[in-house]
Amino acid sequence: MARPRKKPPVSQPHAAAQPRGKPFVPPATITLPAMLQSGRDLAFRETLYLMVLAFGRIQSFREGFGKFLSLTGSQFIVLIGTAYRQGDDGVSIRTLADHTQLAATHVTTEVGRLIGKGLLTKQASTRDRRSVLVRLTPEGEAAIHAINPLLRRVNDQLFQNISREDFAVVSRFLTTFALNSEYALAEFRRSERERSRPARAGQD
């Protein structure tokens, strides 16, 4: 018995081509003249993406160094920060927080955990009994020596082909940028509060 022949597909009429309007030009995300090129912010945004990429990798290195020592990234930073700031007498929580750019409450928590791991010790300051001074234990010193070869290899790769002058420029930039970020966060939070007011007003 002959198989029924399939019907050829019915061609559909092509939809009428829609006329293209003007290309969308997004508004600039910044108004500072120094950040614009011919009134556009494309190069500015590409630089921001590079910053996020680079800073994200630095954060990954921090976490990796911590993992090498069975620590978190923050614990590693507190440990090595102590190593560089303890001097002869030890380092205060406030000084350690300023050095590592971490909140003092966070540093206090991580110091407690590192003490529990036997890597740090603390004692009351002879100058101010309200303050404590933190120092590495012999186990903490051994941990710093153990991580140092890896730190050197990574940093040598990370900062190769960067001159002393280049690094000084970056340092000045980041000092200003970090301060600006505080004001930017305040502006962002103010905007969040303003957006939440109508919602709260509707619930009253």
N, C-alpha and C. Protein backbone atom coordinates (compact mmCIF):
# COMPACT_ATOMS: atom_id res chain seq x y z
N MET A 1 0.86 -1.20 0.00
CA MET A 1 0.00 0.00 0.00
C MET A 1 0.88 1.23 0.00
N ALA A 2 0.63 2.14 -0.91
CA ALA A 2 1.47 3.34 -1.03
C ALA A 2 1.27 4.25 0.15
N ARG A 3 2.39 4.79 0.67
CA ARG A 3 2.33 5.71 1.80
C ARG A 3 1.83 7.07 1.32
N PRO A 4 0.98 7.72 2.08
CA PRO A 4 0.47 9.04 1.63
C PRO A 4 1.60 10.05 1.55
N ARG A 5 1.60 10.81 0.50
CA ARG A 5 2.62 11.82 0.29
C ARG A 5 2.36 13.01 1.21
N LYS A 6 3.47 13.44 1.87
CA LYS A 6 3.33 14.60 2.77
C LYS A 6 3.10 15.86 1.96
N LYS A 7 2.24 16.71 2.51
CA LYS A 7 1.98 17.97 1.84
C LYS A 7 3.14 18.93 2.06
N PRO A 8 3.53 19.65 1.04
CA PRO A 8 4.61 20.63 1.24
C PRO A 8 4.17 21.71 2.21
N PRO A 9 5.10 22.21 3.02
CA PRO A 9 4.73 23.25 3.99
C PRO A 9 4.23 24.49 3.28
N VAL A 10 3.21 25.06 3.88
CA VAL A 10 2.63 26.27 3.32
C VAL A 10 3.49 27.45 3.72
N SER A 11 3.96 28.16 2.75
CA SER A 11 4.81 29.32 3.04
C SER A 11 3.96 30.43 3.65
N GLN A 12 4.51 31.02 4.72
CA GLN A 12 3.83 32.11 5.38
C GLN A 12 4.29 33.43 4.79
N PRO A 13 3.40 34.34 4.66
CA PRO A 13 3.81 35.65 4.12
C PRO A 13 4.73 36.34 5.10
N HIS A 14 5.77 36.95 4.57
CA HIS A 14 6.73 37.66 5.41
C HIS A 14 6.06 38.87 6.06
N ALA A 15 6.39 39.02 7.34
CA ALA A 15 5.85 40.20 8.04
C ALA A 15 6.47 41.45 7.45
N ALA A 16 5.68 42.46 7.39
CA ALA A 16 6.18 43.72 6.84
C ALA A 16 7.30 44.25 7.71
N ALA A 17 8.38 44.64 7.05
CA ALA A 17 9.53 45.15 7.79
C ALA A 17 9.15 46.40 8.56
N GLN A 18 9.51 46.39 9.85
CA GLN A 18 9.20 47.54 10.69
C GLN A 18 10.26 48.61 10.50
N PRO A 19 9.83 49.80 10.31
CA PRO A 19 10.83 50.87 10.15
C PRO A 19 11.64 51.05 11.42
N ARG A 20 12.95 51.15 11.27
CA ARG A 20 13.84 51.33 12.42
C ARG A 20 13.84 52.80 12.83
N GLY A 21 13.68 53.00 14.14
CA GLY A 21 13.75 54.36 14.64
C GLY A 21 15.19 54.77 14.90
N LYS A 22 15.36 55.86 15.58
CA LYS A 22 16.71 56.30 15.93
C LYS A 22 17.32 55.33 16.93
N PRO A 23 18.62 55.04 16.80
CA PRO A 23 19.25 54.13 17.76
C PRO A 23 19.21 54.70 19.16
N PHE A 24 19.00 53.81 20.11
CA PHE A 24 18.93 54.25 21.51
C PHE A 24 20.32 54.67 21.99
N VAL A 25 20.39 55.84 22.53
CA VAL A 25 21.63 56.34 23.11
C VAL A 25 21.42 56.49 24.61
N PRO A 26 22.03 55.61 25.41
CA PRO A 26 21.81 55.69 26.86
C PRO A 26 22.41 56.97 27.42
N PRO A 27 21.77 57.54 28.41
CA PRO A 27 22.31 58.76 29.00
C PRO A 27 23.61 58.45 29.76
N ALA A 28 24.48 59.42 29.81
CA ALA A 28 25.74 59.25 30.52
C ALA A 28 25.48 58.98 32.00
N THR A 29 26.27 58.10 32.58
CA THR A 29 26.09 57.74 33.99
C THR A 29 26.93 58.60 34.91
N ILE A 30 27.61 59.58 34.36
CA ILE A 30 28.42 60.50 35.16
C ILE A 30 28.48 61.82 34.41
N THR A 31 28.61 62.92 35.15
CA THR A 31 28.63 64.24 34.51
C THR A 31 29.98 64.94 34.66
N LEU A 32 30.91 64.38 35.41
CA LEU A 32 32.21 65.02 35.60
C LEU A 32 32.97 65.07 34.27
N PRO A 33 33.38 66.25 33.81
CA PRO A 33 34.05 66.36 32.51
C PRO A 33 35.29 65.48 32.39
N ALA A 34 36.03 65.31 33.48
CA ALA A 34 37.26 64.52 33.42
C ALA A 34 36.98 63.05 33.12
N MET A 35 35.77 62.60 33.35
CA MET A 35 35.42 61.20 33.13
C MET A 35 34.74 60.96 31.78
N LEU A 36 34.55 62.02 31.00
CA LEU A 36 33.85 61.91 29.73
C LEU A 36 34.81 62.12 28.56
N GLN A 37 34.50 61.47 27.45
CA GLN A 37 35.23 61.67 26.20
C GLN A 37 34.20 62.02 25.13
N SER A 38 34.29 63.25 24.64
CA SER A 38 33.31 63.74 23.66
C SER A 38 31.89 63.60 24.19
N GLY A 39 31.74 63.84 25.50
CA GLY A 39 30.44 63.79 26.11
C GLY A 39 29.93 62.39 26.41
N ARG A 40 30.73 61.37 26.14
CA ARG A 40 30.30 59.99 26.35
C ARG A 40 31.09 59.37 27.50
N ASP A 41 30.45 58.37 28.14
CA ASP A 41 31.08 57.74 29.31
C ASP A 41 31.48 56.30 29.06
N LEU A 42 31.64 55.91 27.78
CA LEU A 42 31.97 54.53 27.45
C LEU A 42 33.31 54.11 28.05
N ALA A 43 34.35 54.93 27.86
CA ALA A 43 35.67 54.58 28.40
C ALA A 43 35.64 54.54 29.92
N PHE A 44 34.89 55.44 30.53
CA PHE A 44 34.74 55.45 31.98
C PHE A 44 34.14 54.14 32.47
N ARG A 45 33.10 53.66 31.81
CA ARG A 45 32.44 52.44 32.24
C ARG A 45 33.33 51.22 32.02
N GLU A 46 34.08 51.20 30.93
CA GLU A 46 34.99 50.08 30.69
C GLU A 46 36.09 50.04 31.76
N THR A 47 36.52 51.21 32.21
CA THR A 47 37.51 51.25 33.28
C THR A 47 36.91 50.73 34.58
N LEU A 48 35.66 51.07 34.86
CA LEU A 48 34.99 50.53 36.04
C LEU A 48 34.92 49.00 36.00
N TYR A 49 34.62 48.46 34.83
CA TYR A 49 34.56 47.01 34.71
C TYR A 49 35.92 46.38 34.99
N LEU A 50 36.99 47.04 34.51
CA LEU A 50 38.34 46.55 34.79
C LEU A 50 38.65 46.59 36.28
N MET A 51 38.21 47.65 36.94
CA MET A 51 38.43 47.77 38.38
C MET A 51 37.73 46.63 39.12
N VAL A 52 36.48 46.36 38.75
CA VAL A 52 35.74 45.29 39.40
C VAL A 52 36.43 43.95 39.16
N LEU A 53 36.91 43.73 37.93
CA LEU A 53 37.61 42.50 37.61
C LEU A 53 38.87 42.35 38.46
N ALA A 54 39.69 43.42 38.50
CA ALA A 54 40.95 43.36 39.24
C ALA A 54 40.72 43.21 40.74
N PHE A 55 39.81 44.01 41.29
CA PHE A 55 39.55 43.94 42.73
C PHE A 55 38.94 42.59 43.11
N GLY A 56 38.12 42.04 42.22
CA GLY A 56 37.55 40.72 42.49
C GLY A 56 38.62 39.65 42.55
N ARG A 57 39.62 39.77 41.69
CA ARG A 57 40.72 38.80 41.71
C ARG A 57 41.56 38.96 42.97
N ILE A 58 41.78 40.20 43.40
CA ILE A 58 42.52 40.42 44.65
C ILE A 58 41.78 39.78 45.82
N GLN A 59 40.47 39.92 45.83
CA GLN A 59 39.68 39.28 46.87
C GLN A 59 39.81 37.76 46.81
N SER A 60 39.87 37.22 45.59
CA SER A 60 40.04 35.78 45.43
C SER A 60 41.40 35.33 45.97
N PHE A 61 42.45 36.14 45.72
CA PHE A 61 43.77 35.82 46.27
C PHE A 61 43.71 35.82 47.79
N ARG A 62 43.06 36.81 48.36
CA ARG A 62 42.94 36.89 49.82
C ARG A 62 42.29 35.64 50.38
N GLU A 63 41.20 35.22 49.76
CA GLU A 63 40.52 34.01 50.22
C GLU A 63 41.42 32.79 50.03
N GLY A 64 42.17 32.76 48.93
CA GLY A 64 43.07 31.64 48.67
C GLY A 64 44.21 31.55 49.68
N PHE A 65 44.78 32.71 50.04
CA PHE A 65 45.84 32.72 51.04
C PHE A 65 45.30 32.22 52.39
N GLY A 66 44.08 32.65 52.71
CA GLY A 66 43.47 32.17 53.94
C GLY A 66 43.26 30.67 53.91
N LYS A 67 42.76 30.16 52.79
CA LYS A 67 42.51 28.72 52.67
C LYS A 67 43.80 27.92 52.83
N PHE A 68 44.90 28.47 52.32
CA PHE A 68 46.21 27.82 52.45
C PHE A 68 46.55 27.56 53.91
N LEU A 69 46.11 28.47 54.78
CA LEU A 69 46.38 28.36 56.22
C LEU A 69 45.17 27.86 57.01
N SER A 70 44.17 27.37 56.30
CA SER A 70 42.92 26.91 56.93
C SER A 70 42.23 28.06 57.66
N LEU A 71 42.26 29.24 57.04
CA LEU A 71 41.63 30.44 57.60
C LEU A 71 40.69 31.02 56.55
N THR A 72 39.84 31.97 56.98
CA THR A 72 39.08 32.77 56.03
C THR A 72 39.97 33.89 55.50
N GLY A 73 39.52 34.56 54.46
CA GLY A 73 40.28 35.68 53.93
C GLY A 73 40.48 36.78 54.96
N SER A 74 39.43 37.10 55.70
CA SER A 74 39.53 38.15 56.72
C SER A 74 40.50 37.75 57.83
N GLN A 75 40.46 36.49 58.23
CA GLN A 75 41.38 36.04 59.27
C GLN A 75 42.82 36.12 58.80
N PHE A 76 43.05 35.80 57.53
CA PHE A 76 44.40 35.92 56.99
C PHE A 76 44.88 37.37 57.04
N ILE A 77 44.01 38.30 56.66
CA ILE A 77 44.40 39.71 56.65
C ILE A 77 44.71 40.20 58.06
N VAL A 78 43.92 39.78 59.05
CA VAL A 78 44.18 40.18 60.44
C VAL A 78 45.49 39.57 60.92
N LEU A 79 45.75 38.32 60.54
CA LEU A 79 46.98 37.65 60.96
C LEU A 79 48.21 38.35 60.39
N ILE A 80 48.22 38.59 59.08
CA ILE A 80 49.40 39.20 58.48
C ILE A 80 49.48 40.68 58.85
N GLY A 81 48.33 41.33 59.07
CA GLY A 81 48.36 42.71 59.55
C GLY A 81 49.01 42.81 60.90
N THR A 82 48.72 41.84 61.76
CA THR A 82 49.36 41.81 63.08
C THR A 82 50.87 41.65 62.94
N ALA A 83 51.27 40.77 62.02
CA ALA A 83 52.70 40.53 61.82
C ALA A 83 53.45 41.80 61.47
N TYR A 84 52.82 42.65 60.69
CA TYR A 84 53.51 43.87 60.22
C TYR A 84 53.35 45.05 61.15
N ARG A 85 52.40 44.99 62.08
CA ARG A 85 52.17 46.15 62.95
C ARG A 85 52.42 45.88 64.43
N GLN A 86 52.74 44.66 64.82
CA GLN A 86 52.87 44.36 66.24
C GLN A 86 54.11 44.99 66.89
N GLY A 87 55.17 45.18 66.12
CA GLY A 87 56.37 45.77 66.69
C GLY A 87 56.88 44.96 67.88
N ASP A 88 57.38 45.67 68.90
CA ASP A 88 57.92 44.99 70.08
C ASP A 88 56.85 44.70 71.13
N ASP A 89 55.81 45.53 71.17
CA ASP A 89 54.83 45.44 72.26
C ASP A 89 53.50 44.82 71.85
N GLY A 90 53.23 44.72 70.56
CA GLY A 90 51.93 44.27 70.09
C GLY A 90 51.19 45.43 69.43
N VAL A 91 50.03 45.14 68.87
CA VAL A 91 49.26 46.15 68.14
C VAL A 91 47.85 46.20 68.70
N SER A 92 47.30 47.40 68.82
CA SER A 92 45.94 47.56 69.33
C SER A 92 44.93 47.20 68.24
N ILE A 93 43.72 46.94 68.67
CA ILE A 93 42.64 46.61 67.74
C ILE A 93 42.40 47.79 66.79
N ARG A 94 42.39 49.01 67.33
CA ARG A 94 42.14 50.19 66.51
C ARG A 94 43.21 50.35 65.44
N THR A 95 44.48 50.22 65.83
CA THR A 95 45.58 50.36 64.86
C THR A 95 45.49 49.26 63.81
N LEU A 96 45.17 48.05 64.24
CA LEU A 96 45.04 46.93 63.32
C LEU A 96 43.88 47.15 62.35
N ALA A 97 42.78 47.70 62.86
CA ALA A 97 41.63 47.98 61.99
C ALA A 97 41.98 49.04 60.96
N ASP A 98 42.69 50.10 61.37
CA ASP A 98 43.09 51.14 60.43
C ASP A 98 44.05 50.59 59.37
N HIS A 99 44.94 49.71 59.80
CA HIS A 99 45.93 49.15 58.87
C HIS A 99 45.27 48.25 57.83
N THR A 100 44.33 47.42 58.26
CA THR A 100 43.72 46.44 57.36
C THR A 100 42.47 46.97 56.66
N GLN A 101 42.01 48.18 57.03
CA GLN A 101 40.79 48.75 56.45
C GLN A 101 39.57 47.88 56.74
N LEU A 102 39.56 47.25 57.92
CA LEU A 102 38.41 46.47 58.37
C LEU A 102 37.78 47.17 59.57
N ALA A 103 36.50 46.95 59.78
CA ALA A 103 35.82 47.54 60.93
C ALA A 103 36.42 46.98 62.22
N ALA A 104 36.54 47.84 63.23
CA ALA A 104 37.14 47.41 64.50
C ALA A 104 36.37 46.25 65.11
N THR A 105 35.05 46.26 65.00
CA THR A 105 34.26 45.15 65.55
C THR A 105 34.58 43.84 64.83
N HIS A 106 34.79 43.93 63.52
CA HIS A 106 35.13 42.74 62.74
C HIS A 106 36.51 42.23 63.13
N VAL A 107 37.46 43.16 63.30
CA VAL A 107 38.81 42.78 63.71
C VAL A 107 38.77 42.09 65.08
N THR A 108 37.98 42.65 65.99
CA THR A 108 37.85 42.05 67.32
C THR A 108 37.36 40.61 67.23
N THR A 109 36.35 40.38 66.39
CA THR A 109 35.81 39.03 66.22
C THR A 109 36.87 38.08 65.66
N GLU A 110 37.58 38.54 64.61
CA GLU A 110 38.57 37.67 63.98
C GLU A 110 39.77 37.43 64.89
N VAL A 111 40.15 38.43 65.68
CA VAL A 111 41.23 38.23 66.64
C VAL A 111 40.84 37.12 67.62
N GLY A 112 39.60 37.15 68.10
CA GLY A 112 39.15 36.11 69.01
C GLY A 112 39.23 34.73 68.38
N ARG A 113 38.87 34.62 67.11
CA ARG A 113 38.92 33.33 66.43
C ARG A 113 40.37 32.87 66.22
N LEU A 114 41.25 33.81 65.90
CA LEU A 114 42.66 33.46 65.71
C LEU A 114 43.33 33.08 67.02
N ILE A 115 42.89 33.69 68.11
CA ILE A 115 43.37 33.28 69.43
C ILE A 115 42.94 31.84 69.70
N GLY A 116 41.69 31.54 69.34
CA GLY A 116 41.19 30.19 69.51
C GLY A 116 41.95 29.16 68.70
N LYS A 117 42.51 29.59 67.56
CA LYS A 117 43.31 28.70 66.72
C LYS A 117 44.77 28.64 67.16
N GLY A 118 45.11 29.42 68.18
CA GLY A 118 46.47 29.41 68.68
C GLY A 118 47.46 30.23 67.88
N LEU A 119 46.96 31.12 67.02
CA LEU A 119 47.84 31.91 66.15
C LEU A 119 48.12 33.30 66.70
N LEU A 120 47.25 33.81 67.56
CA LEU A 120 47.43 35.13 68.16
C LEU A 120 47.28 35.01 69.67
N THR A 121 47.82 36.00 70.35
CA THR A 121 47.63 36.14 71.78
C THR A 121 47.39 37.61 72.06
N LYS A 122 46.76 37.91 73.17
CA LYS A 122 46.53 39.31 73.51
C LYS A 122 46.77 39.52 75.01
N GLN A 123 47.10 40.75 75.34
CA GLN A 123 47.30 41.12 76.74
C GLN A 123 46.93 42.58 76.90
N ALA A 124 46.65 42.98 78.13
CA ALA A 124 46.29 44.38 78.39
C ALA A 124 47.49 45.28 78.12
N SER A 125 47.21 46.45 77.59
CA SER A 125 48.27 47.43 77.34
C SER A 125 48.76 48.00 78.67
N THR A 126 50.07 48.16 78.80
CA THR A 126 50.61 48.76 80.02
C THR A 126 50.36 50.25 80.07
N ARG A 127 50.07 50.85 78.90
CA ARG A 127 49.82 52.28 78.84
C ARG A 127 48.35 52.61 79.02
N ASP A 128 47.48 51.73 78.57
CA ASP A 128 46.04 51.96 78.67
C ASP A 128 45.36 50.64 78.97
N ARG A 129 44.94 50.45 80.22
CA ARG A 129 44.36 49.19 80.63
C ARG A 129 43.04 48.88 79.93
N ARG A 130 42.42 49.89 79.31
CA ARG A 130 41.18 49.65 78.58
C ARG A 130 41.45 49.04 77.22
N SER A 131 42.70 49.08 76.77
CA SER A 131 43.08 48.58 75.46
C SER A 131 43.85 47.27 75.59
N VAL A 132 43.74 46.44 74.56
CA VAL A 132 44.52 45.20 74.52
C VAL A 132 45.48 45.26 73.35
N LEU A 133 46.59 44.58 73.48
CA LEU A 133 47.60 44.50 72.43
C LEU A 133 47.67 43.07 71.92
N VAL A 134 47.71 42.93 70.62
CA VAL A 134 47.67 41.63 69.97
C VAL A 134 49.05 41.31 69.39
N ARG A 135 49.46 40.06 69.52
CA ARG A 135 50.74 39.61 69.00
C ARG A 135 50.58 38.22 68.38
N LEU A 136 51.53 37.89 67.49
CA LEU A 136 51.59 36.53 66.96
C LEU A 136 52.14 35.58 68.03
N THR A 137 51.61 34.38 68.06
CA THR A 137 52.22 33.31 68.83
C THR A 137 53.31 32.67 67.95
N PRO A 138 54.14 31.79 68.51
CA PRO A 138 55.10 31.07 67.66
C PRO A 138 54.41 30.34 66.51
N GLU A 139 53.19 29.80 66.74
CA GLU A 139 52.44 29.15 65.65
C GLU A 139 52.03 30.17 64.60
N GLY A 140 51.68 31.39 65.05
CA GLY A 140 51.34 32.44 64.10
C GLY A 140 52.53 32.85 63.26
N GLU A 141 53.69 32.95 63.88
CA GLU A 141 54.91 33.28 63.13
C GLU A 141 55.22 32.20 62.10
N ALA A 142 55.03 30.94 62.49
CA ALA A 142 55.27 29.83 61.56
C ALA A 142 54.31 29.90 60.37
N ALA A 143 53.05 30.31 60.62
CA ALA A 143 52.07 30.43 59.54
C ALA A 143 52.48 31.52 58.55
N ILE A 144 53.00 32.63 59.06
CA ILE A 144 53.45 33.72 58.17
C ILE A 144 54.62 33.25 57.31
N HIS A 145 55.55 32.52 57.91
CA HIS A 145 56.67 31.99 57.13
C HIS A 145 56.19 30.98 56.09
N ALA A 146 55.18 30.19 56.43
CA ALA A 146 54.69 29.16 55.51
C ALA A 146 54.02 29.78 54.28
N ILE A 147 53.29 30.88 54.45
CA ILE A 147 52.55 31.48 53.34
C ILE A 147 53.42 32.41 52.51
N ASN A 148 54.55 32.84 53.05
CA ASN A 148 55.35 33.87 52.39
C ASN A 148 55.80 33.51 50.97
N PRO A 149 56.30 32.30 50.70
CA PRO A 149 56.71 32.00 49.32
C PRO A 149 55.59 32.17 48.31
N LEU A 150 54.39 31.72 48.66
CA LEU A 150 53.24 31.88 47.75
C LEU A 150 52.90 33.35 47.60
N LEU A 151 52.91 34.11 48.69
CA LEU A 151 52.63 35.54 48.62
C LEU A 151 53.59 36.24 47.65
N ARG A 152 54.86 35.91 47.76
CA ARG A 152 55.85 36.55 46.89
C ARG A 152 55.60 36.22 45.42
N ARG A 153 55.33 34.95 45.13
CA ARG A 153 55.12 34.56 43.73
C ARG A 153 53.91 35.27 43.14
N VAL A 154 52.82 35.31 43.90
CA VAL A 154 51.60 35.95 43.41
C VAL A 154 51.81 37.45 43.24
N ASN A 155 52.40 38.10 44.23
CA ASN A 155 52.60 39.55 44.14
C ASN A 155 53.58 39.93 43.04
N ASP A 156 54.61 39.10 42.84
CA ASP A 156 55.55 39.38 41.75
C ASP A 156 54.87 39.32 40.40
N GLN A 157 53.93 38.38 40.24
CA GLN A 157 53.17 38.32 38.99
C GLN A 157 52.18 39.46 38.89
N LEU A 158 51.53 39.75 39.99
CA LEU A 158 50.45 40.74 40.00
C LEU A 158 50.97 42.14 39.69
N PHE A 159 52.17 42.47 40.15
CA PHE A 159 52.67 43.83 40.02
C PHE A 159 53.86 43.97 39.07
N GLN A 160 54.10 42.96 38.25
CA GLN A 160 55.17 43.10 37.28
C GLN A 160 54.80 44.15 36.22
N ASN A 161 55.81 44.82 35.70
CA ASN A 161 55.66 45.88 34.68
C ASN A 161 54.92 47.10 35.22
N ILE A 162 54.82 47.24 36.52
CA ILE A 162 54.24 48.42 37.14
C ILE A 162 55.35 49.16 37.87
N SER A 163 55.58 50.40 37.48
CA SER A 163 56.69 51.16 38.05
C SER A 163 56.34 51.70 39.42
N ARG A 164 57.37 52.16 40.13
CA ARG A 164 57.15 52.78 41.43
C ARG A 164 56.24 54.00 41.28
N GLU A 165 56.44 54.76 40.18
CA GLU A 165 55.60 55.94 39.94
C GLU A 165 54.16 55.54 39.67
N ASP A 166 53.97 54.47 38.88
CA ASP A 166 52.61 53.99 38.61
C ASP A 166 51.91 53.60 39.91
N PHE A 167 52.64 52.90 40.76
CA PHE A 167 52.04 52.44 42.01
C PHE A 167 51.69 53.62 42.92
N ALA A 168 52.53 54.66 42.91
CA ALA A 168 52.26 55.84 43.72
C ALA A 168 50.99 56.54 43.24
N VAL A 169 50.80 56.58 41.91
CA VAL A 169 49.59 57.18 41.35
C VAL A 169 48.36 56.39 41.78
N VAL A 170 48.45 55.06 41.72
CA VAL A 170 47.34 54.21 42.13
C VAL A 170 47.03 54.42 43.62
N SER A 171 48.07 54.53 44.42
CA SER A 171 47.88 54.73 45.86
C SER A 171 47.14 56.04 46.13
N ARG A 172 47.54 57.10 45.45
CA ARG A 172 46.85 58.39 45.64
C ARG A 172 45.41 58.31 45.16
N PHE A 173 45.22 57.65 44.02
CA PHE A 173 43.87 57.49 43.49
C PHE A 173 42.98 56.74 44.48
N LEU A 174 43.48 55.61 45.02
CA LEU A 174 42.66 54.80 45.91
C LEU A 174 42.37 55.52 47.22
N THR A 175 43.31 56.33 47.68
CA THR A 175 43.06 57.10 48.91
C THR A 175 41.88 58.04 48.72
N THR A 176 41.87 58.74 47.59
CA THR A 176 40.76 59.65 47.28
C THR A 176 39.48 58.86 46.99
N PHE A 177 39.63 57.78 46.25
CA PHE A 177 38.48 56.98 45.84
C PHE A 177 37.78 56.37 47.06
N ALA A 178 38.57 55.88 48.02
CA ALA A 178 37.98 55.29 49.23
C ALA A 178 37.20 56.33 50.02
N LEU A 179 37.75 57.55 50.11
CA LEU A 179 37.03 58.61 50.80
C LEU A 179 35.76 58.98 50.05
N ASN A 180 35.86 59.10 48.74
CA ASN A 180 34.67 59.41 47.94
C ASN A 180 33.60 58.34 48.09
N SER A 181 34.04 57.09 48.25
CA SER A 181 33.07 56.00 48.35
C SER A 181 32.20 56.13 49.59
N GLU A 182 32.74 56.72 50.65
CA GLU A 182 31.93 56.95 51.85
C GLU A 182 30.79 57.91 51.56
N TYR A 183 31.11 59.00 50.85
CA TYR A 183 30.07 59.96 50.49
C TYR A 183 29.08 59.36 49.49
N ALA A 184 29.59 58.53 48.56
CA ALA A 184 28.71 57.89 47.58
C ALA A 184 27.76 56.93 48.27
N LEU A 185 28.25 56.18 49.27
CA LEU A 185 27.38 55.28 50.02
C LEU A 185 26.29 56.05 50.76
N ALA A 186 26.67 57.19 51.33
CA ALA A 186 25.68 58.02 52.02
C ALA A 186 24.60 58.49 51.06
N GLU A 187 25.00 58.88 49.85
CA GLU A 187 24.03 59.30 48.84
C GLU A 187 23.12 58.15 48.43
N PHE A 188 23.71 56.96 48.27
CA PHE A 188 22.93 55.79 47.88
C PHE A 188 21.91 55.44 48.96
N ARG A 189 22.33 55.46 50.22
CA ARG A 189 21.43 55.13 51.31
C ARG A 189 20.33 56.17 51.46
N ARG A 190 20.66 57.45 51.23
CA ARG A 190 19.65 58.49 51.27
C ARG A 190 18.58 58.23 50.21
N SER A 191 19.03 57.83 49.01
CA SER A 191 18.08 57.53 47.94
C SER A 191 17.20 56.34 48.30
N GLU A 192 17.79 55.34 48.95
CA GLU A 192 17.00 54.18 49.37
C GLU A 192 15.93 54.58 50.38
N ARG A 193 16.29 55.45 51.31
CA ARG A 193 15.30 55.90 52.31
C ARG A 193 14.17 56.66 51.64
N GLU A 194 14.51 57.49 50.66
CA GLU A 194 13.48 58.27 49.97
C GLU A 194 12.53 57.36 49.20
N ARG A 195 13.06 56.29 48.60
CA ARG A 195 12.21 55.36 47.84
C ARG A 195 11.30 54.58 48.76
N SER A 196 11.74 54.32 49.98
CA SER A 196 10.93 53.52 50.89
C SER A 196 9.84 54.33 51.57
N ARG A 197 9.93 55.66 51.55
CA ARG A 197 8.93 56.48 52.24
C ARG A 197 7.52 56.32 51.65
N PRO A 198 7.34 56.36 50.31
CA PRO A 198 5.97 56.19 49.80
C PRO A 198 5.37 54.84 50.17
N ALA A 199 6.19 53.79 50.18
CA ALA A 199 5.67 52.47 50.53
C ALA A 199 5.20 52.45 51.98
N ARG A 200 5.96 53.03 52.86
CA ARG A 200 5.56 53.08 54.27
C ARG A 200 4.32 53.95 54.45
N ALA A 201 4.26 55.05 53.67
CA ALA A 201 3.11 55.95 53.79
C ALA A 201 1.83 55.24 53.37
N GLY A 202 1.94 54.34 52.35
CA GLY A 202 0.75 53.61 51.91
C GLY A 202 0.26 52.58 52.91
N GLN A 203 1.18 52.14 53.80
CA GLN A 203 0.81 51.15 54.79
C GLN A 203 0.18 51.78 56.03
N ASP A 204 0.38 53.10 56.20
CA ASP A 204 -0.16 53.77 57.41
C ASP A 204 -1.67 53.94 57.31
